[in-house]
Amino acid sequence: MTPRKSTAKAPGSPSMRSERLKDEVYRQMYRLEAHRPGAELSLSIALLRVWIASDSEAEKPQSRE
């Protein structure tokens, strides 16, 4: 068996952070659909985190390759 090359992203990379935020929103959406207590507030907070993160990423200058 040959070892695979790792395709994992660095933990601090912006794409990894956006994936974590997206996962959090999906998790909270499922909690809301299941009528879990506090799901509305948790989803609101998760969406605010995404909004703030997207706004802060837009301010960073894009590097050209």
C-alpha atoms as a PDB file:
ATOM      1  CA  MET A   1       0.000   0.000   0.000  1.00  0.00           C
ATOM      2  CA  THR A   2       1.452   3.365  -1.011  1.00  0.00           C
ATOM      3  CA  PRO A   3       1.096   6.361   1.299  1.00  0.00           C
ATOM      4  CA  ARG A   4      -1.146   9.168   0.090  1.00  0.00           C
ATOM      5  CA  LYS A   5      -0.078  12.761  -0.054  1.00  0.00           C
ATOM      6  CA  SER A   6      -1.964  14.874   2.401  1.00  0.00           C
ATOM      7  CA  THR A   7      -4.400  17.315   0.826  1.00  0.00           C
ATOM      8  CA  ALA A   8      -5.450  18.799   4.147  1.00  0.00           C
ATOM      9  CA  LYS A   9      -5.416  22.564   4.417  1.00  0.00           C
ATOM     10  CA  ALA A  10      -3.481  24.437   7.053  1.00  0.00           C
ATOM     11  CA  PRO A  11      -5.568  24.993  10.199  1.00  0.00           C
ATOM     12  CA  GLY A  12      -5.263  28.770  10.025  1.00  0.00           C
ATOM     13  CA  SER A  13      -5.921  29.117   6.312  1.00  0.00           C
ATOM     14  CA  PRO A  14      -8.896  31.238   5.237  1.00  0.00           C
ATOM     15  CA  SER A  15     -10.463  28.354   3.311  1.00  0.00           C
ATOM     16  CA  MET A  16     -10.319  26.106   6.381  1.00  0.00           C
ATOM     17  CA  ARG A  17     -11.884  28.830   8.499  1.00  0.00           C
ATOM     18  CA  SER A  18     -14.690  29.334   6.005  1.00  0.00           C
ATOM     19  CA  GLU A  19     -15.344  25.581   5.965  1.00  0.00           C
ATOM     20  CA  ARG A  20     -15.599  25.570   9.769  1.00  0.00           C
ATOM     21  CA  LEU A  21     -18.018  28.502   9.686  1.00  0.00           C
ATOM     22  CA  LYS A  22     -20.116  26.832   6.995  1.00  0.00           C
ATOM     23  CA  ASP A  23     -20.236  23.627   9.041  1.00  0.00           C
ATOM     24  CA  GLU A  24     -21.351  25.603  12.087  1.00  0.00           C
ATOM     25  CA  VAL A  25     -24.209  27.223  10.147  1.00  0.00           C
ATOM     26  CA  TYR A  26     -25.370  23.850   8.820  1.00  0.00           C
ATOM     27  CA  ARG A  27     -25.215  22.342  12.309  1.00  0.00           C
ATOM     28  CA  GLN A  28     -27.331  25.155  13.715  1.00  0.00           C
ATOM     29  CA  MET A  29     -29.824  24.867  10.852  1.00  0.00           C
ATOM     30  CA  TYR A  30     -30.339  21.189  11.680  1.00  0.00           C
ATOM     31  CA  ARG A  31     -30.839  22.073  15.337  1.00  0.00           C
ATOM     32  CA  LEU A  32     -33.463  24.627  14.302  1.00  0.00           C
ATOM     33  CA  GLU A  33     -35.284  22.053  12.146  1.00  0.00           C
ATOM     34  CA  ALA A  34     -35.291  19.644  15.098  1.00  0.00           C
ATOM     35  CA  HIS A  35     -36.917  22.360  17.268  1.00  0.00           C
ATOM     36  CA  ARG A  36     -34.046  22.308  19.771  1.00  0.00           C
ATOM     37  CA  PRO A  37     -34.190  25.002  22.473  1.00  0.00           C
ATOM     38  CA  GLY A  38     -31.981  27.989  21.736  1.00  0.00           C
ATOM     39  CA  ALA A  39     -31.469  27.018  18.098  1.00  0.00           C
ATOM     40  CA  GLU A  40     -32.714  30.367  16.775  1.00  0.00           C
ATOM     41  CA  LEU A  41     -30.163  32.324  18.784  1.00  0.00           C
ATOM     42  CA  SER A  42     -27.351  29.907  17.936  1.00  0.00           C
ATOM     43  CA  LEU A  43     -28.110  30.131  14.217  1.00  0.00           C
ATOM     44  CA  SER A  44     -28.229  33.923  14.427  1.00  0.00           C
ATOM     45  CA  ILE A  45     -24.831  34.011  16.121  1.00  0.00           C
ATOM     46  CA  ALA A  46     -23.337  31.604  13.557  1.00  0.00           C
ATOM     47  CA  LEU A  47     -24.645  33.746  10.697  1.00  0.00           C
ATOM     48  CA  LEU A  48     -23.197  36.870  12.319  1.00  0.00           C
ATOM     49  CA  ARG A  49     -19.808  35.138  12.570  1.00  0.00           C
ATOM     50  CA  VAL A  50     -19.933  34.347   8.851  1.00  0.00           C
ATOM     51  CA  TRP A  51     -20.926  37.903   8.020  1.00  0.00           C
ATOM     52  CA  ILE A  52     -18.107  39.379  10.101  1.00  0.00           C
ATOM     53  CA  ALA A  53     -15.571  36.929   8.655  1.00  0.00           C
ATOM     54  CA  SER A  54     -16.616  37.686   5.082  1.00  0.00           C
ATOM     55  CA  ASP A  55     -16.403  41.419   5.749  1.00  0.00           C
ATOM     56  CA  SER A  56     -12.922  41.124   7.266  1.00  0.00           C
ATOM     57  CA  GLU A  57     -11.703  38.947   4.368  1.00  0.00           C
ATOM     58  CA  ALA A  58     -12.957  41.535   1.861  1.00  0.00           C
ATOM     59  CA  GLU A  59     -10.744  44.180   3.505  1.00  0.00           C
ATOM     60  CA  LYS A  60      -7.586  42.114   3.071  1.00  0.00           C
ATOM     61  CA  PRO A  61      -5.732  42.791  -0.175  1.00  0.00           C
ATOM     62  CA  GLN A  62      -5.703  39.830  -2.541  1.00  0.00           C
ATOM     63  CA  SER A  63      -2.243  38.556  -3.422  1.00  0.00           C
ATOM     64  CA  ARG A  64      -1.525  37.911  -7.065  1.00  0.00           C
ATOM     65  CA  GLU A  65       0.021  34.668  -8.069  1.00  0.00           C
END
